[in-house]
Amino acid sequence: MPRYIYQCNECDKTNYVFHRISESHSTCLYCNCIDCLEKMLTKPTIKKEAATTGEEKIGELTNKYIEDNRKILDDMKKECKEETHEPS
């Protein structure tokens, strides 16, 4: 279940509340003010074990693609220089 952060407009305290996305929270847990909470922006939490594909981690796979494309780009630059007779 997602965790949401609410800030009370009366006491300025923040409440961490777990609820469904279709639900909302309206009562401050500190001062019991009703309808004075404002939902704050939060970033999603990504579990590290979910960030893998097969045996490689996503970061490792991305670095591999970057290095492979760097090599292709270097080869293409050399080829262009040879065709235009530019010194390396």
Protein backbone atom coordinates (compact mmCIF):
# COMPACT_ATOMS: atom_id res chain seq x y z
CA MET A 1 0.00 0.00 0.00
CA PRO A 2 1.42 3.45 -0.90
CA ARG A 3 2.61 5.87 1.74
CA TYR A 4 1.43 9.47 1.44
CA ILE A 5 2.60 12.58 3.24
CA TYR A 6 0.05 15.11 4.43
CA GLN A 7 0.80 18.48 6.00
CA CYS A 8 -1.64 20.15 8.36
CA ASN A 9 -2.46 23.79 7.59
CA GLU A 10 -3.26 24.42 11.27
CA CYS A 11 -0.33 22.92 13.21
CA ASP A 12 2.18 22.58 10.28
CA LYS A 13 3.01 18.98 11.24
CA THR A 14 3.38 16.25 8.65
CA ASN A 15 1.50 12.95 8.77
CA TYR A 16 2.68 9.79 7.03
CA VAL A 17 -0.38 7.77 6.07
CA PHE A 18 -0.72 4.45 4.25
CA HIS A 19 -3.86 4.12 2.14
CA ARG A 20 -5.10 3.14 -1.30
CA ILE A 21 -4.68 5.54 -4.19
CA SER A 22 -8.46 5.96 -4.42
CA GLU A 23 -8.72 7.01 -0.75
CA SER A 24 -7.74 10.23 0.98
CA HIS A 25 -6.98 11.36 4.51
CA SER A 26 -8.65 14.41 6.05
CA THR A 27 -8.00 14.44 9.82
CA CYS A 28 -4.70 15.55 11.32
CA LEU A 29 -3.22 12.95 13.67
CA TYR A 30 -1.65 15.65 15.87
CA CYS A 31 -4.29 18.36 16.33
CA ASN A 32 -7.41 16.45 15.10
CA CYS A 33 -8.27 19.25 12.69
CA ILE A 34 -10.73 18.06 10.03
CA ASP A 35 -10.28 19.00 6.35
CA CYS A 36 -7.09 20.98 6.97
CA LEU A 37 -4.59 18.51 5.46
CA GLU A 38 -2.79 19.08 2.20
CA LYS A 39 -1.37 16.11 0.32
CA MET A 40 2.34 16.66 -0.38
CA LEU A 41 4.26 15.43 -3.41
CA THR A 42 6.23 12.26 -2.81
CA LYS A 43 8.62 10.25 -4.92
CA PRO A 44 7.96 6.57 -5.59
CA THR A 45 9.99 3.93 -3.80
CA ILE A 46 11.63 1.36 -6.06
CA LYS A 47 12.82 -1.85 -4.48
CA LYS A 48 16.37 -2.77 -5.48
CA GLU A 49 15.53 -6.40 -6.22
CA ALA A 50 12.94 -5.20 -8.74
CA ALA A 51 15.64 -3.26 -10.62
CA THR A 52 17.27 -6.32 -12.18
CA THR A 53 16.77 -8.09 -15.46
CA GLY A 54 17.89 -11.69 -15.40
CA GLU A 55 21.38 -11.86 -13.99
CA GLU A 56 22.47 -8.29 -14.84
CA LYS A 57 21.43 -5.19 -12.95
CA ILE A 58 19.89 -2.39 -15.00
CA GLY A 59 22.81 -0.02 -14.34
CA GLU A 60 25.32 -2.62 -15.55
CA LEU A 61 23.26 -3.29 -18.67
CA THR A 62 23.00 0.44 -19.40
CA ASN A 63 26.77 0.90 -18.99
CA LYS A 64 27.37 -2.02 -21.37
CA TYR A 65 25.15 -0.41 -24.03
CA ILE A 66 26.87 2.95 -23.56
CA GLU A 67 30.32 1.40 -23.99
CA ASP A 68 29.20 -0.58 -27.05
CA ASN A 69 27.75 2.55 -28.67
CA ARG A 70 30.88 4.56 -27.82
CA LYS A 71 32.95 2.01 -29.73
CA ILE A 72 30.60 2.16 -32.71
CA LEU A 73 30.75 5.97 -32.69
CA ASP A 74 34.57 5.96 -32.52
CA ASP A 75 34.70 3.55 -35.46
CA MET A 76 32.33 5.75 -37.46
CA LYS A 77 34.45 8.85 -36.70
CA LYS A 78 37.61 7.08 -37.91
CA GLU A 79 35.83 5.96 -41.05
CA CYS A 80 34.61 9.50 -41.79
CA LYS A 81 38.09 10.95 -41.27
CA GLU A 82 39.58 8.38 -43.64
CA GLU A 83 36.98 9.21 -46.29
CA THR A 84 37.60 12.96 -46.01
CA HIS A 85 41.38 12.50 -45.65
CA GLU A 86 41.52 14.41 -42.37
CA PRO A 87 44.48 13.75 -40.10
CA SER A 88 43.60 11.69 -37.01
